[in-house]
PDB file of all heavy atoms in Angstrom:
ATOM      1  N   VAL A   1      15.945  -5.439  -6.254  1.00  0.00           N
ATOM      2  CA  VAL A   1      14.491  -5.308  -6.211  1.00  0.00           C
ATOM      3  C   VAL A   1      13.991  -5.316  -4.774  1.00  0.00           C
ATOM      4  O   VAL A   1      14.544  -5.995  -3.906  1.00  0.00           O
ATOM      5  CB  VAL A   1      13.806  -6.434  -7.017  1.00  0.00           C
ATOM      6  CG1 VAL A   1      13.953  -6.203  -8.513  1.00  0.00           C
ATOM      7  CG2 VAL A   1      14.349  -7.813  -6.656  1.00  0.00           C
ATOM      8  N   TRP A   2      12.927  -4.575  -4.565  1.00  0.00           N
ATOM      9  CA  TRP A   2      12.219  -4.512  -3.292  1.00  0.00           C
ATOM     10  C   TRP A   2      10.751  -4.806  -3.587  1.00  0.00           C
ATOM     11  O   TRP A   2      10.176  -4.228  -4.520  1.00  0.00           O
ATOM     12  CB  TRP A   2      12.320  -3.123  -2.674  1.00  0.00           C
ATOM     13  CG  TRP A   2      13.687  -2.648  -2.303  1.00  0.00           C
ATOM     14  CD1 TRP A   2      14.232  -2.594  -1.055  1.00  0.00           C
ATOM     15  CD2 TRP A   2      14.683  -2.096  -3.193  1.00  0.00           C
ATOM     16  NE1 TRP A   2      15.497  -2.048  -1.103  1.00  0.00           N
ATOM     17  CE2 TRP A   2      15.807  -1.746  -2.397  1.00  0.00           C
ATOM     18  CE3 TRP A   2      14.754  -1.872  -4.562  1.00  0.00           C
ATOM     19  CZ2 TRP A   2      16.953  -1.187  -2.936  1.00  0.00           C
ATOM     20  CZ3 TRP A   2      15.903  -1.324  -5.102  1.00  0.00           C
ATOM     21  CH2 TRP A   2      16.992  -0.988  -4.300  1.00  0.00           C
ATOM     22  N   ALA A   3      10.121  -5.671  -2.831  1.00  0.00           N
ATOM     23  CA  ALA A   3       8.755  -6.094  -3.169  1.00  0.00           C
ATOM     24  C   ALA A   3       7.887  -6.171  -1.926  1.00  0.00           C
ATOM     25  O   ALA A   3       8.372  -6.378  -0.808  1.00  0.00           O
ATOM     26  CB  ALA A   3       8.777  -7.455  -3.867  1.00  0.00           C
ATOM     27  N   VAL A   4       6.564  -6.035  -2.155  1.00  0.00           N
ATOM     28  CA  VAL A   4       5.583  -6.198  -1.080  1.00  0.00           C
ATOM     29  C   VAL A   4       4.424  -7.036  -1.599  1.00  0.00           C
ATOM     30  O   VAL A   4       4.028  -6.933  -2.763  1.00  0.00           O
ATOM     31  CB  VAL A   4       5.088  -4.834  -0.553  1.00  0.00           C
ATOM     32  CG1 VAL A   4       4.355  -4.045  -1.638  1.00  0.00           C
ATOM     33  CG2 VAL A   4       4.197  -5.019   0.675  1.00  0.00           C
ATOM     34  N   HIS A   5       3.908  -7.891  -0.725  1.00  0.00           N
ATOM     35  CA  HIS A   5       2.706  -8.680  -0.990  1.00  0.00           C
ATOM     36  C   HIS A   5       1.820  -8.601   0.242  1.00  0.00           C
ATOM     37  O   HIS A   5       2.299  -8.714   1.376  1.00  0.00           O
ATOM     38  CB  HIS A   5       3.065 -10.148  -1.256  1.00  0.00           C
ATOM     39  CG  HIS A   5       1.875 -11.061  -1.243  1.00  0.00           C
ATOM     40  ND1 HIS A   5       1.020 -11.189  -2.302  1.00  0.00           N
ATOM     41  CD2 HIS A   5       1.381 -11.873  -0.258  1.00  0.00           C
ATOM     42  CE1 HIS A   5       0.058 -12.047  -1.998  1.00  0.00           C
ATOM     43  NE2 HIS A   5       0.243 -12.474  -0.768  1.00  0.00           N
ATOM     44  N   LEU A   6       0.525  -8.419   0.023  1.00  0.00           N
ATOM     45  CA  LEU A   6      -0.420  -8.386   1.135  1.00  0.00           C
ATOM     46  C   LEU A   6      -1.062  -9.757   1.284  1.00  0.00           C
ATOM     47  O   LEU A   6      -1.694 -10.266   0.358  1.00  0.00           O
ATOM     48  CB  LEU A   6      -1.504  -7.326   0.906  1.00  0.00           C
ATOM     49  CG  LEU A   6      -2.374  -7.049   2.127  1.00  0.00           C
ATOM     50  CD1 LEU A   6      -1.570  -6.344   3.223  1.00  0.00           C
ATOM     51  CD2 LEU A   6      -3.601  -6.218   1.751  1.00  0.00           C
ATOM     52  N   ALA A   7      -0.881 -10.362   2.454  1.00  0.00           N
ATOM     53  CA  ALA A   7      -1.420 -11.696   2.735  1.00  0.00           C
ATOM     54  C   ALA A   7      -2.894 -11.554   3.110  1.00  0.00           C
ATOM     55  O   ALA A   7      -3.287 -11.679   4.275  1.00  0.00           O
ATOM     56  CB  ALA A   7      -0.628 -12.371   3.851  1.00  0.00           C
ATOM     57  N   TRP A   8      -3.709 -11.331   2.089  1.00  0.00           N
ATOM     58  CA  TRP A   8      -5.115 -11.004   2.307  1.00  0.00           C
ATOM     59  C   TRP A   8      -5.901 -11.384   1.067  1.00  0.00           C
ATOM     60  O   TRP A   8      -5.439 -11.187  -0.054  1.00  0.00           O
ATOM     61  CB  TRP A   8      -5.255  -9.518   2.595  1.00  0.00           C
ATOM     62  CG  TRP A   8      -6.643  -9.017   2.866  1.00  0.00           C
ATOM     63  CD1 TRP A   8      -7.346  -8.105   2.138  1.00  0.00           C
ATOM     64  CD2 TRP A   8      -7.499  -9.363   3.968  1.00  0.00           C
ATOM     65  NE1 TRP A   8      -8.572  -7.863   2.701  1.00  0.00           N
ATOM     66  CE2 TRP A   8      -8.689  -8.631   3.831  1.00  0.00           C
ATOM     67  CE3 TRP A   8      -7.367 -10.228   5.047  1.00  0.00           C
ATOM     68  CZ2 TRP A   8      -9.749  -8.740   4.737  1.00  0.00           C
ATOM     69  CZ3 TRP A   8      -8.420 -10.342   5.950  1.00  0.00           C
ATOM     70  CH2 TRP A   8      -9.589  -9.599   5.796  1.00  0.00           C
ATOM     71  N   SER A   9      -7.114 -11.910   1.259  1.00  0.00           N
ATOM     72  CA  SER A   9      -7.877 -12.492   0.164  1.00  0.00           C
ATOM     73  C   SER A   9      -9.049 -11.632  -0.263  1.00  0.00           C
ATOM     74  O   SER A   9     -10.061 -12.145  -0.744  1.00  0.00           O
ATOM     75  CB  SER A   9      -8.378 -13.882   0.579  1.00  0.00           C
ATOM     76  OG  SER A   9      -7.315 -14.693   1.010  1.00  0.00           O
ATOM     77  N   ALA A  10      -8.930 -10.327  -0.105  1.00  0.00           N
ATOM     78  CA  ALA A  10     -10.039  -9.452  -0.489  1.00  0.00           C
ATOM     79  C   ALA A  10      -9.485  -8.087  -0.898  1.00  0.00           C
ATOM     80  O   ALA A  10      -8.361  -7.975  -1.378  1.00  0.00           O
ATOM     81  CB  ALA A  10     -11.045  -9.349   0.653  1.00  0.00           C
ATOM     82  N   ASP A  11     -10.280  -7.046  -0.685  1.00  0.00           N
ATOM     83  CA  ASP A  11      -9.939  -5.717  -1.180  1.00  0.00           C
ATOM     84  C   ASP A  11      -8.603  -5.247  -0.613  1.00  0.00           C
ATOM     85  O   ASP A  11      -8.331  -5.403   0.586  1.00  0.00           O
ATOM     86  CB  ASP A  11     -11.034  -4.727  -0.795  1.00  0.00           C
ATOM     87  CG  ASP A  11     -12.364  -5.055  -1.452  1.00  0.00           C
ATOM     88  OD1 ASP A  11     -12.393  -5.947  -2.311  1.00  0.00           O
ATOM     89  OD2 ASP A  11     -13.371  -4.418  -1.097  1.00  0.00           O
ATOM     90  N   ALA A  12      -7.800  -4.641  -1.476  1.00  0.00           N
ATOM     91  CA  ALA A  12      -6.441  -4.282  -1.083  1.00  0.00           C
ATOM     92  C   ALA A  12      -5.989  -3.016  -1.794  1.00  0.00           C
ATOM     93  O   ALA A  12      -6.522  -2.638  -2.840  1.00  0.00           O
ATOM     94  CB  ALA A  12      -5.473  -5.425  -1.395  1.00  0.00           C
ATOM     95  N   VAL A  13      -4.983  -2.392  -1.212  1.00  0.00           N
ATOM     96  CA  VAL A  13      -4.294  -1.248  -1.805  1.00  0.00           C
ATOM     97  C   VAL A  13      -2.809  -1.569  -1.861  1.00  0.00           C
ATOM     98  O   VAL A  13      -2.211  -1.963  -0.847  1.00  0.00           O
ATOM     99  CB  VAL A  13      -4.504   0.027  -0.965  1.00  0.00           C
ATOM    100  CG1 VAL A  13      -3.649   1.168  -1.510  1.00  0.00           C
ATOM    101  CG2 VAL A  13      -5.961   0.438  -0.947  1.00  0.00           C
ATOM    102  N   TYR A  14      -2.229  -1.423  -3.044  1.00  0.00           N
ATOM    103  CA  TYR A  14      -0.773  -1.448  -3.198  1.00  0.00           C
ATOM    104  C   TYR A  14      -0.348  -0.043  -3.597  1.00  0.00           C
ATOM    105  O   TYR A  14      -0.976   0.579  -4.456  1.00  0.00           O
ATOM    106  CB  TYR A  14      -0.354  -2.460  -4.266  1.00  0.00           C
ATOM    107  CG  TYR A  14      -0.444  -3.900  -3.808  1.00  0.00           C
ATOM    108  CD1 TYR A  14      -1.670  -4.548  -3.716  1.00  0.00           C
ATOM    109  CD2 TYR A  14       0.701  -4.612  -3.468  1.00  0.00           C
ATOM    110  CE1 TYR A  14      -1.761  -5.867  -3.295  1.00  0.00           C
ATOM    111  CE2 TYR A  14       0.626  -5.936  -3.047  1.00  0.00           C
ATOM    112  CZ  TYR A  14      -0.611  -6.563  -2.959  1.00  0.00           C
ATOM    113  OH  TYR A  14      -0.683  -7.863  -2.543  1.00  0.00           O
ATOM    114  N   ARG A  15       0.719   0.472  -3.006  1.00  0.00           N
ATOM    115  CA  ARG A  15       1.029   1.891  -3.139  1.00  0.00           C
ATOM    116  C   ARG A  15       2.517   2.139  -3.293  1.00  0.00           C
ATOM    117  O   ARG A  15       3.352   1.415  -2.734  1.00  0.00           O
ATOM    118  CB  ARG A  15       0.528   2.636  -1.917  1.00  0.00           C
ATOM    119  CG  ARG A  15       1.039   1.955  -0.660  1.00  0.00           C
ATOM    120  CD  ARG A  15       0.933   2.630   0.611  1.00  0.00           C
ATOM    121  NE  ARG A  15       1.453   3.943   0.745  1.00  0.00           N
ATOM    122  CZ  ARG A  15       1.224   4.689   1.822  1.00  0.00           C
ATOM    123  NH1 ARG A  15       0.482   4.209   2.794  1.00  0.00           N
ATOM    124  NH2 ARG A  15       1.727   5.881   1.926  1.00  0.00           N
ATOM    125  N   THR A  16       2.833   3.143  -4.067  1.00  0.00           N
ATOM    126  CA  THR A  16       4.174   3.718  -4.064  1.00  0.00           C
ATOM    127  C   THR A  16       4.015   5.214  -3.821  1.00  0.00           C
ATOM    128  O   THR A  16       3.093   5.843  -4.348  1.00  0.00           O
ATOM    129  CB  THR A  16       4.919   3.493  -5.393  1.00  0.00           C
ATOM    130  OG1 THR A  16       4.152   4.040  -6.475  1.00  0.00           O
ATOM    131  CG2 THR A  16       5.164   2.023  -5.637  1.00  0.00           C
ATOM    132  N   ASP A  17       4.902   5.762  -3.015  1.00  0.00           N
ATOM    133  CA  ASP A  17       4.932   7.202  -2.749  1.00  0.00           C
ATOM    134  C   ASP A  17       6.351   7.682  -3.041  1.00  0.00           C
ATOM    135  O   ASP A  17       7.320   7.158  -2.467  1.00  0.00           O
ATOM    136  CB  ASP A  17       4.597   7.503  -1.285  1.00  0.00           C
ATOM    137  CG  ASP A  17       3.228   7.004  -0.869  1.00  0.00           C
ATOM    138  OD1 ASP A  17       3.081   5.793  -0.622  1.00  0.00           O
ATOM    139  OD2 ASP A  17       2.302   7.828  -0.784  1.00  0.00           O
ATOM    140  N   ARG A  18       6.448   8.647  -3.916  1.00  0.00           N
ATOM    141  CA  ARG A  18       7.756   9.232  -4.252  1.00  0.00           C
ATOM    142  C   ARG A  18       7.566  10.751  -4.238  1.00  0.00           C
ATOM    143  O   ARG A  18       7.125  11.351  -5.221  1.00  0.00           O
ATOM    144  CB  ARG A  18       8.225   8.731  -5.610  1.00  0.00           C
ATOM    145  CG  ARG A  18       9.683   9.030  -5.950  1.00  0.00           C
ATOM    146  CD  ARG A  18      10.021   8.425  -7.321  1.00  0.00           C
ATOM    147  NE  ARG A  18      11.408   8.576  -7.690  1.00  0.00           N
ATOM    148  CZ  ARG A  18      12.367   7.675  -7.425  1.00  0.00           C
ATOM    149  NH1 ARG A  18      12.043   6.554  -6.801  1.00  0.00           N
ATOM    150  NH2 ARG A  18      13.615   7.884  -7.793  1.00  0.00           N
ATOM    151  N   LEU A  19       7.865  11.355  -3.111  1.00  0.00           N
ATOM    152  CA  LEU A  19       7.578  12.763  -2.901  1.00  0.00           C
ATOM    153  C   LEU A  19       8.869  13.580  -2.890  1.00  0.00           C
ATOM    154  O   LEU A  19       9.907  13.101  -2.408  1.00  0.00           O
ATOM    155  CB  LEU A  19       6.840  12.970  -1.577  1.00  0.00           C
ATOM    156  CG  LEU A  19       5.534  12.170  -1.390  1.00  0.00           C
ATOM    157  CD1 LEU A  19       4.851  12.599  -0.101  1.00  0.00           C
ATOM    158  CD2 LEU A  19       4.611  12.348  -2.571  1.00  0.00           C
ATOM    159  N   PRO A  20       8.811  14.816  -3.380  1.00  0.00           N
ATOM    160  CA  PRO A  20      10.033  15.641  -3.390  1.00  0.00           C
ATOM    161  C   PRO A  20      10.618  15.861  -2.004  1.00  0.00           C
ATOM    162  O   PRO A  20      11.829  16.008  -1.845  1.00  0.00           O
ATOM    163  CB  PRO A  20       9.551  16.961  -4.003  1.00  0.00           C
ATOM    164  CG  PRO A  20       8.324  16.611  -4.781  1.00  0.00           C
ATOM    165  CD  PRO A  20       7.684  15.483  -4.041  1.00  0.00           C
ATOM    166  N   GLU A  21       9.757  15.864  -0.978  1.00  0.00           N
ATOM    167  CA  GLU A  21      10.253  16.153   0.378  1.00  0.00           C
ATOM    168  C   GLU A  21      10.786  14.938   1.115  1.00  0.00           C
ATOM    169  O   GLU A  21      11.315  15.081   2.222  1.00  0.00           O
ATOM    170  CB  GLU A  21       9.125  16.751   1.232  1.00  0.00           C
ATOM    171  CG  GLU A  21       8.542  18.039   0.717  1.00  0.00           C
ATOM    172  CD  GLU A  21       7.395  17.816  -0.247  1.00  0.00           C
ATOM    173  OE1 GLU A  21       7.168  16.652  -0.640  1.00  0.00           O
ATOM    174  OE2 GLU A  21       6.748  18.802  -0.603  1.00  0.00           O
ATOM    175  N   GLY A  22      10.600  13.740   0.577  1.00  0.00           N
ATOM    176  CA  GLY A  22      10.945  12.582   1.393  1.00  0.00           C
ATOM    177  C   GLY A  22      11.444  11.430   0.577  1.00  0.00           C
ATOM    178  O   GLY A  22      11.635  11.514  -0.634  1.00  0.00           O
ATOM    179  N   ARG A  23      11.638  10.310   1.238  1.00  0.00           N
ATOM    180  CA  ARG A  23      12.130   9.108   0.585  1.00  0.00           C
ATOM    181  C   ARG A  23      10.991   8.378  -0.111  1.00  0.00           C
ATOM    182  O   ARG A  23       9.823   8.580   0.193  1.00  0.00           O
ATOM    183  CB  ARG A  23      12.796   8.214   1.627  1.00  0.00           C
ATOM    184  CG  ARG A  23      13.990   8.894   2.316  1.00  0.00           C
ATOM    185  CD  ARG A  23      14.337   8.234   3.631  1.00  0.00           C
ATOM    186  NE  ARG A  23      14.880   6.891   3.438  1.00  0.00           N
ATOM    187  CZ  ARG A  23      15.141   6.053   4.443  1.00  0.00           C
ATOM    188  NH1 ARG A  23      14.894   6.431   5.689  1.00  0.00           N
ATOM    189  NH2 ARG A  23      15.646   4.859   4.212  1.00  0.00           N
ATOM    190  N   SER A  24      11.362   7.519  -1.037  1.00  0.00           N
ATOM    191  CA  SER A  24      10.359   6.698  -1.717  1.00  0.00           C
ATOM    192  C   SER A  24       9.845   5.636  -0.758  1.00  0.00           C
ATOM    193  O   SER A  24      10.595   5.087   0.054  1.00  0.00           O
ATOM    194  CB  SER A  24      10.971   6.033  -2.949  1.00  0.00           C
ATOM    195  OG  SER A  24      11.407   7.005  -3.877  1.00  0.00           O
ATOM    196  N   VAL A  25       8.560   5.323  -0.888  1.00  0.00           N
ATOM    197  CA  VAL A  25       7.905   4.385   0.015  1.00  0.00           C
ATOM    198  C   VAL A  25       7.162   3.343  -0.810  1.00  0.00           C
ATOM    199  O   VAL A  25       6.543   3.659  -1.830  1.00  0.00           O
ATOM    200  CB  VAL A  25       6.929   5.125   0.963  1.00  0.00           C
ATOM    201  CG1 VAL A  25       5.967   4.166   1.626  1.00  0.00           C
ATOM    202  CG2 VAL A  25       7.704   5.893   2.016  1.00  0.00           C
ATOM    203  N   LEU A  26       7.240   2.095  -0.361  1.00  0.00           N
ATOM    204  CA  LEU A  26       6.496   0.983  -0.938  1.00  0.00           C
ATOM    205  C   LEU A  26       5.612   0.423   0.164  1.00  0.00           C
ATOM    206  O   LEU A  26       6.074   0.267   1.313  1.00  0.00           O
ATOM    207  CB  LEU A  26       7.470  -0.084  -1.430  1.00  0.00           C
ATOM    208  CG  LEU A  26       6.911  -1.314  -2.137  1.00  0.00           C
ATOM    209  CD1 LEU A  26       6.303  -0.933  -3.477  1.00  0.00           C
ATOM    210  CD2 LEU A  26       8.018  -2.345  -2.338  1.00  0.00           C
ATOM    211  N   GLY A  27       4.365   0.093  -0.164  1.00  0.00           N
ATOM    212  CA  GLY A  27       3.507  -0.413   0.901  1.00  0.00           C
ATOM    213  C   GLY A  27       2.249  -1.070   0.384  1.00  0.00           C
ATOM    214  O   GLY A  27       1.953  -1.083  -0.816  1.00  0.00           O
ATOM    215  N   ALA A  28       1.491  -1.631   1.322  1.00  0.00           N
ATOM    216  CA  ALA A  28       0.236  -2.309   0.994  1.00  0.00           C
ATOM    217  C   ALA A  28      -0.629  -2.353   2.242  1.00  0.00           C
ATOM    218  O   ALA A  28      -0.132  -2.311   3.372  1.00  0.00           O
ATOM    219  CB  ALA A  28       0.487  -3.720   0.471  1.00  0.00           C
ATOM    220  N   GLY A  29      -1.924  -2.461   2.019  1.00  0.00           N
ATOM    221  CA  GLY A  29      -2.851  -2.575   3.133  1.00  0.00           C
ATOM    222  C   GLY A  29      -4.220  -2.980   2.650  1.00  0.00           C
ATOM    223  O   GLY A  29      -4.518  -2.982   1.447  1.00  0.00           O
ATOM    224  N   GLU A  30      -5.074  -3.331   3.595  1.00  0.00           N
ATOM    225  CA  GLU A  30      -6.449  -3.670   3.256  1.00  0.00           C
ATOM    226  C   GLU A  30      -7.186  -2.414   2.827  1.00  0.00           C
ATOM    227  O   GLU A  30      -7.053  -1.353   3.451  1.00  0.00           O
ATOM    228  CB  GLU A  30      -7.143  -4.305   4.469  1.00  0.00           C
ATOM    229  CG  GLU A  30      -8.580  -4.710   4.207  1.00  0.00           C
ATOM    230  CD  GLU A  30      -9.265  -5.298   5.430  1.00  0.00           C
ATOM    231  OE1 GLU A  30      -8.604  -5.483   6.465  1.00  0.00           O
ATOM    232  OE2 GLU A  30     -10.495  -5.555   5.338  1.00  0.00           O
ATOM    233  N   LEU A  31      -7.971  -2.517   1.757  1.00  0.00           N
ATOM    234  CA  LEU A  31      -8.834  -1.416   1.346  1.00  0.00           C
ATOM    235  C   LEU A  31     -10.129  -1.515   2.147  1.00  0.00           C
ATOM    236  O   LEU A  31     -10.875  -2.490   2.032  1.00  0.00           O
ATOM    237  CB  LEU A  31      -9.111  -1.481  -0.157  1.00  0.00           C
ATOM    238  CG  LEU A  31      -9.826  -0.281  -0.773  1.00  0.00           C
ATOM    239  CD1 LEU A  31      -9.481  -0.156  -2.247  1.00  0.00           C
ATOM    240  CD2 LEU A  31     -11.349  -0.363  -0.623  1.00  0.00           C
ATOM    241  N   LEU A  32     -10.359  -0.510   2.962  1.00  0.00           N
ATOM    242  CA  LEU A  32     -11.534  -0.505   3.836  1.00  0.00           C
ATOM    243  C   LEU A  32     -12.582   0.443   3.279  1.00  0.00           C
ATOM    244  O   LEU A  32     -12.272   1.561   2.850  1.00  0.00           O
ATOM    245  CB  LEU A  32     -11.140  -0.083   5.252  1.00  0.00           C
ATOM    246  CG  LEU A  32     -10.173  -1.047   5.967  1.00  0.00           C
ATOM    247  CD1 LEU A  32      -9.637  -0.420   7.244  1.00  0.00           C
ATOM    248  CD2 LEU A  32     -10.876  -2.367   6.276  1.00  0.00           C
ATOM    249  N   ARG A  33     -13.845  -0.001   3.288  1.00  0.00           N
ATOM    250  CA  ARG A  33     -14.947   0.843   2.837  1.00  0.00           C
ATOM    251  C   ARG A  33     -15.330   1.815   3.957  1.00  0.00           C
ATOM    252  O   ARG A  33     -15.005   1.603   5.130  1.00  0.00           O
ATOM    253  CB  ARG A  33     -16.144  -0.027   2.456  1.00  0.00           C
ATOM    254  CG  ARG A  33     -15.841  -1.163   1.475  1.00  0.00           C
ATOM    255  CD  ARG A  33     -15.296  -0.683   0.144  1.00  0.00           C
ATOM    256  NE  ARG A  33     -14.948  -1.773  -0.749  1.00  0.00           N
ATOM    257  CZ  ARG A  33     -15.717  -2.209  -1.749  1.00  0.00           C
ATOM    258  NH1 ARG A  33     -16.895  -1.667  -1.963  1.00  0.00           N
ATOM    259  NH2 ARG A  33     -15.302  -3.187  -2.532  1.00  0.00           N
ATOM    260  N   PRO A  34     -16.022   2.911   3.636  1.00  0.00           N
ATOM    261  CA  PRO A  34     -16.418   3.874   4.669  1.00  0.00           C
ATOM    262  C   PRO A  34     -17.169   3.216   5.826  1.00  0.00           C
ATOM    263  O   PRO A  34     -18.116   2.448   5.607  1.00  0.00           O
ATOM    264  CB  PRO A  34     -17.313   4.860   3.899  1.00  0.00           C
ATOM    265  CG  PRO A  34     -16.806   4.804   2.494  1.00  0.00           C
ATOM    266  CD  PRO A  34     -16.410   3.364   2.285  1.00  0.00           C
ATOM    267  N   ASP A  35     -16.701   3.501   7.033  1.00  0.00           N
ATOM    268  CA  ASP A  35     -17.307   2.999   8.273  1.00  0.00           C
ATOM    269  C   ASP A  35     -17.339   1.475   8.350  1.00  0.00           C
ATOM    270  O   ASP A  35     -18.133   0.901   9.101  1.00  0.00           O
ATOM    271  CB  ASP A  35     -18.733   3.544   8.452  1.00  0.00           C
ATOM    272  CG  ASP A  35     -18.752   5.039   8.726  1.00  0.00           C
ATOM    273  OD1 ASP A  35     -17.754   5.548   9.257  1.00  0.00           O
ATOM    274  OD2 ASP A  35     -19.751   5.697   8.389  1.00  0.00           O
ATOM    275  N   GLU A  36     -16.460   0.798   7.620  1.00  0.00           N
ATOM    276  CA  GLU A  36     -16.430  -0.669   7.688  1.00  0.00           C
ATOM    277  C   GLU A  36     -15.880  -1.145   9.028  1.00  0.00           C
ATOM    278  O   GLU A  36     -16.352  -2.127   9.597  1.00  0.00           O
ATOM    279  CB  GLU A  36     -15.590  -1.231   6.546  1.00  0.00           C
ATOM    280  CG  GLU A  36     -15.600  -2.745   6.469  1.00  0.00           C
ATOM    281  CD  GLU A  36     -15.053  -3.278   5.153  1.00  0.00           C
ATOM    282  OE1 GLU A  36     -14.498  -2.492   4.370  1.00  0.00           O
ATOM    283  OE2 GLU A  36     -15.174  -4.497   4.921  1.00  0.00           O
TER     284      GLU A  36
END
Protein backbone atom coordinates (compact mmCIF):
# COMPACT_ATOMS: atom_id res chain seq x y z
CA VAL A 1 0.00 0.00 0.00
CA TRP A 2 0.95 3.60 -0.69
CA ALA A 3 -0.85 6.37 1.19
CA VAL A 4 -1.02 10.16 1.51
CA HIS A 5 -2.43 12.40 4.24
CA LEU A 6 -2.58 16.18 4.15
CA ALA A 7 -1.60 17.76 7.47
CA TRP A 8 -4.17 20.52 7.14
CA SER A 9 -7.39 21.40 8.95
CA ALA A 10 -9.44 22.91 6.15
CA ASP A 11 -10.25 22.61 2.45
CA ALA A 12 -8.24 19.93 0.70
CA VAL A 13 -7.82 17.93 -2.49
CA TYR A 14 -6.86 14.26 -2.56
CA ARG A 15 -6.03 13.02 -6.05
CA THR A 16 -5.08 10.04 -8.12
CA ASP A 17 -3.87 10.38 -11.71
CA ARG A 18 -3.60 7.33 -13.93
CA LEU A 19 -2.91 8.45 -17.48
CA PRO A 20 -2.10 6.34 -20.55
CA GLU A 21 1.02 8.41 -21.22
CA GLY A 22 2.54 8.27 -17.76
CA ARG A 23 2.88 6.66 -14.38
CA SER A 24 0.19 6.60 -11.74
CA VAL A 25 0.33 9.48 -9.28
CA LEU A 26 -0.98 9.88 -5.73
CA GLY A 27 -1.13 13.30 -4.13
CA ALA A 28 -2.82 15.89 -1.95
CA GLY A 29 -2.88 19.62 -1.49
CA GLU A 30 -4.81 22.53 -0.07
CA LEU A 31 -7.93 23.44 -2.03
CA LEU A 32 -7.59 27.13 -2.78
CA ARG A 33 -10.51 29.35 -3.77
CA PRO A 34 -10.15 31.78 -6.72
CA ASP A 35 -7.70 34.58 -5.91
CA GLU A 36 -7.35 33.34 -2.31
